[in-house]
Amino acid sequence: AGGFGPPGSGDVGYGGMPDGSYDAYTDEDFAKPGGGRKWLKRSVFIVLALAVIGGGLYGGYRWTQTQYYVGTQDENVALFQGISQDLAWISLSKVEKNHPEIELKYLPPYQRKQVEATIAEGNITDAREKVAELAAQASACKKDAQRRAADAENRARTGEGEAGGTAGAPATRTSATSSAKGTKPTTAPTPGPSLSEEEKKLVPQCGKQ
């Protein structure tokens, strides 16, 4: 009643849509397929990227452990494996061998500065050769310093003896009597350490800036 068209044209059986038929479809029915696949691809790419980054970092760390350098440990020279830089909170080096016998104070100023700034070497053989070079130089400078100290002490003792021998006539007579009897001095000079020929060549470098 009140409709247009031939009788019965509004019935369902005639080809019309039933009332409420649009409610049978939801938003999910119209969603584009393949959304889950996109997330899967993204996850795979992220995992691969992290694997590449992690592999690069590990490879870089392995490379640093093939490097060596000479640096300081406390107040002496030490041989290190790795590089002197740190990665965030991760140390990229460790002490390969400490050398307490090579004291920094006996190295020439220019070598001391080099060691404090670290001396990088490509392999352990070169690093050990550098340590041996520093050891020879430090030994020469140490012996030279000890010889100078011994000479200064001997000169001081000689000065004290001469001063005591000239203070007054009694001391002069005693000194003359001792000389007449051939009495040897009571204090012998303190000899300094001997230097090898190679160390004698290195001594001039001790004060080099």
Protein backbone atom coordinates (compact mmCIF):
# COMPACT_ATOMS: atom_id res chain seq x y z
CA ALA A 1 0.00 0.00 0.00
CA GLY A 2 1.29 3.37 -0.94
CA GLY A 3 4.11 1.73 -2.99
CA PHE A 4 4.96 2.21 -6.63
CA GLY A 5 5.23 -0.52 -9.25
CA PRO A 6 3.19 -3.55 -9.92
CA PRO A 7 1.70 -5.45 -7.04
CA GLY A 8 4.23 -7.59 -5.21
CA SER A 9 7.23 -5.71 -6.57
CA GLY A 10 8.38 -4.87 -3.03
CA ASP A 11 8.47 -8.46 -1.90
CA VAL A 12 11.74 -10.14 -1.15
CA GLY A 13 11.16 -12.96 -3.54
CA TYR A 14 10.92 -10.58 -6.48
CA GLY A 15 14.59 -9.55 -6.38
CA GLY A 16 14.52 -6.82 -3.76
CA MET A 17 16.95 -6.62 -0.84
CA PRO A 18 15.55 -7.77 2.49
CA ASP A 19 15.12 -5.26 5.25
CA GLY A 20 18.22 -4.92 7.41
CA SER A 21 20.44 -6.75 4.92
CA TYR A 22 23.19 -4.08 5.15
CA ASP A 23 23.67 -4.89 8.84
CA ALA A 24 25.01 -8.33 7.93
CA TYR A 25 28.36 -6.78 6.78
CA THR A 26 30.96 -5.37 9.20
CA ASP A 27 34.01 -3.12 8.75
CA GLU A 28 36.28 -6.17 8.86
CA ASP A 29 34.59 -7.53 5.73
CA PHE A 30 35.72 -4.45 3.81
CA ALA A 31 39.30 -4.37 5.24
CA LYS A 32 42.14 -4.89 2.75
CA PRO A 33 43.74 -8.35 2.98
CA GLY A 34 47.48 -8.78 3.71
CA GLY A 35 47.83 -6.51 6.78
CA GLY A 36 49.37 -9.31 8.83
CA ARG A 37 51.92 -10.02 6.13
CA LYS A 38 53.16 -6.43 6.24
CA TRP A 39 53.84 -6.68 9.97
CA LEU A 40 55.64 -9.98 9.42
CA LYS A 41 57.87 -8.43 6.76
CA ARG A 42 58.67 -5.48 9.01
CA SER A 43 59.59 -7.81 11.86
CA VAL A 44 61.90 -9.81 9.60
CA PHE A 45 63.59 -6.63 8.36
CA ILE A 46 64.09 -5.39 11.94
CA VAL A 47 65.60 -8.71 13.02
CA LEU A 48 67.92 -8.73 10.01
CA ALA A 49 69.01 -5.14 10.65
CA LEU A 50 69.77 -5.92 14.30
CA ALA A 51 71.70 -9.01 13.24
CA VAL A 52 73.80 -6.97 10.80
CA ILE A 53 74.50 -4.30 13.43
CA GLY A 54 75.36 -6.90 16.06
CA GLY A 55 77.61 -8.76 13.64
CA GLY A 56 79.38 -5.53 12.73
CA LEU A 57 79.96 -4.65 16.36
CA TYR A 58 81.27 -8.11 17.15
CA GLY A 59 83.55 -8.05 14.11
CA GLY A 60 84.83 -4.62 15.13
CA TYR A 61 85.52 -5.82 18.66
CA ARG A 62 87.37 -8.87 17.35
CA TRP A 63 89.53 -6.59 15.22
CA THR A 64 90.43 -4.39 18.19
CA GLN A 65 91.75 -7.46 20.00
CA THR A 66 94.32 -7.97 17.24
CA GLN A 67 95.81 -4.54 17.98
CA TYR A 68 98.38 -3.64 20.66
CA TYR A 69 99.71 -0.47 22.19
CA VAL A 70 102.22 0.69 24.80
CA GLY A 71 100.85 2.83 27.62
CA THR A 72 101.10 3.49 31.33
CA GLN A 73 100.08 1.40 34.31
CA ASP A 74 100.45 3.31 37.58
CA GLU A 75 103.92 4.91 37.24
CA ASN A 76 105.48 2.48 34.79
CA VAL A 77 105.20 1.15 31.24
CA ALA A 78 102.75 -1.60 30.27
CA LEU A 79 101.85 -3.51 27.11
CA PHE A 80 98.14 -3.53 26.26
CA GLN A 81 96.02 -5.67 23.94
CA GLY A 82 93.29 -3.76 22.09
CA ILE A 83 92.93 -0.03 21.47
CA SER A 84 93.08 2.80 23.96
CA GLN A 85 89.53 4.04 23.24
CA ASP A 86 86.43 2.81 25.08
CA LEU A 87 83.01 2.09 23.55
CA ALA A 88 80.48 3.61 25.96
CA TRP A 89 80.98 1.57 29.14
CA ILE A 90 82.88 -1.24 27.37
CA SER A 91 86.68 -1.23 27.66
CA LEU A 92 88.38 -2.22 24.40
CA SER A 93 91.76 -3.04 25.93
CA LYS A 94 93.39 -5.08 28.67
CA VAL A 95 96.90 -5.32 30.12
CA GLU A 96 98.89 -7.92 28.21
CA LYS A 97 101.98 -7.49 30.41
CA ASN A 98 102.93 -4.96 33.05
CA HIS A 99 106.54 -3.75 33.24
CA PRO A 100 107.19 -2.25 36.69
CA GLU A 101 110.93 -2.30 35.95
CA ILE A 102 110.43 0.44 33.31
CA GLU A 103 109.65 3.48 35.44
CA LEU A 104 108.30 6.55 33.70
CA LYS A 105 110.52 8.90 35.70
CA TYR A 106 113.63 7.45 34.06
CA LEU A 107 112.41 7.95 30.50
CA PRO A 108 113.38 11.10 28.58
CA PRO A 109 110.59 13.72 28.67
CA TYR A 110 109.71 13.22 25.00
CA GLN A 111 109.36 9.44 25.38
CA ARG A 112 107.40 9.83 28.58
CA LYS A 113 104.88 12.02 26.75
CA GLN A 114 104.61 9.46 23.95
CA VAL A 115 103.90 6.63 26.36
CA GLU A 116 101.35 8.67 28.30
CA ALA A 117 99.56 9.42 25.02
CA THR A 118 99.90 5.68 24.11
CA ILE A 119 102.01 4.27 21.26
CA ALA A 120 99.87 2.15 18.90
CA GLU A 121 101.41 -0.91 17.25
CA GLY A 122 99.84 -3.17 14.64
CA ASN A 123 100.92 -6.47 16.20
CA ILE A 124 102.40 -7.91 19.36
CA THR A 125 105.89 -8.31 17.86
CA ASP A 126 106.22 -4.59 17.13
CA ALA A 127 104.75 -3.76 20.53
CA ARG A 128 107.30 -5.94 22.32
CA GLU A 129 110.12 -4.34 20.35
CA LYS A 130 108.91 -0.91 21.45
CA VAL A 131 108.83 -2.08 25.08
CA ALA A 132 112.40 -3.41 24.75
CA GLU A 133 113.50 -0.06 23.32
CA LEU A 134 111.94 1.82 26.23
CA ALA A 135 113.46 -0.64 28.71
CA ALA A 136 116.97 -0.03 27.34
CA GLN A 137 116.52 3.74 27.45
CA ALA A 138 115.08 3.72 30.98
CA SER A 139 117.92 1.48 32.21
CA ALA A 140 120.56 3.80 30.74
CA CYS A 141 118.95 6.90 32.26
CA LYS A 142 118.49 5.21 35.63
CA LYS A 143 122.15 4.15 35.81
CA ASP A 144 123.25 7.61 34.70
CA ALA A 145 121.15 9.19 37.46
CA GLN A 146 122.63 6.79 40.03
CA ARG A 147 126.17 7.57 38.83
CA ARG A 148 125.53 11.28 39.15
CA ALA A 149 124.13 10.81 42.65
CA ALA A 150 127.16 8.71 43.66
CA ASP A 151 129.56 11.33 42.27
CA ALA A 152 127.78 14.09 44.15
CA GLU A 153 127.92 12.07 47.38
CA ASN A 154 131.63 11.37 46.92
CA ARG A 155 132.34 15.04 46.30
CA ALA A 156 130.41 15.94 49.43
CA ARG A 157 132.43 13.46 51.50
CA THR A 158 135.69 14.76 50.06
CA GLY A 159 134.69 18.30 50.94
CA GLU A 160 133.88 17.30 54.53
CA GLY A 161 137.29 15.60 54.92
CA GLU A 162 139.19 18.59 53.63
CA ALA A 163 137.23 20.93 55.88
CA GLY A 164 137.95 18.78 58.93
CA GLY A 165 141.66 18.49 58.08
CA THR A 166 142.26 22.24 57.92
CA ALA A 167 140.40 23.23 61.07
CA GLY A 168 143.16 24.08 63.59
CA ALA A 169 146.71 22.92 64.25
CA PRO A 170 145.87 19.72 66.18
CA ALA A 171 143.88 18.42 63.26
CA THR A 172 146.78 19.25 60.94
CA ARG A 173 149.27 17.34 63.12
CA THR A 174 146.88 14.39 63.31
CA SER A 175 146.43 14.42 59.56
CA ALA A 176 150.21 14.59 59.06
CA THR A 177 150.77 11.74 61.49
CA SER A 178 148.15 9.61 59.76
CA SER A 179 149.73 10.35 56.40
CA ALA A 180 153.18 9.44 57.73
CA LYS A 181 151.90 6.08 58.95
CA GLY A 182 150.16 5.47 55.63
CA THR A 183 146.69 5.24 57.14
CA LYS A 184 143.97 4.81 54.46
CA PRO A 185 140.89 7.05 54.44
CA THR A 186 138.08 5.71 56.58
CA THR A 187 135.42 6.29 53.88
CA ALA A 188 135.96 4.89 50.40
CA PRO A 189 134.21 6.47 47.41
CA THR A 190 130.91 4.85 46.47
CA PRO A 191 131.16 3.59 42.89
CA GLY A 192 128.22 4.17 40.58
CA PRO A 193 126.73 1.46 38.35
CA SER A 194 128.62 0.66 35.17
CA LEU A 195 127.14 1.37 31.75
CA SER A 196 127.36 -0.89 28.72
CA GLU A 197 128.52 0.51 25.40
CA GLU A 198 124.94 0.57 24.14
CA GLU A 199 123.74 2.36 27.27
CA LYS A 200 126.49 4.96 26.90
CA LYS A 201 125.06 5.80 23.47
CA LEU A 202 121.58 6.23 24.98
CA VAL A 203 122.60 8.46 27.89
CA PRO A 204 122.65 11.69 25.81
CA GLN A 205 118.94 11.16 25.13
CA CYS A 206 118.01 11.23 28.82
CA GLY A 207 117.41 14.97 28.96
CA LYS A 208 115.83 15.29 25.52
CA GLN A 209 112.58 17.21 25.58
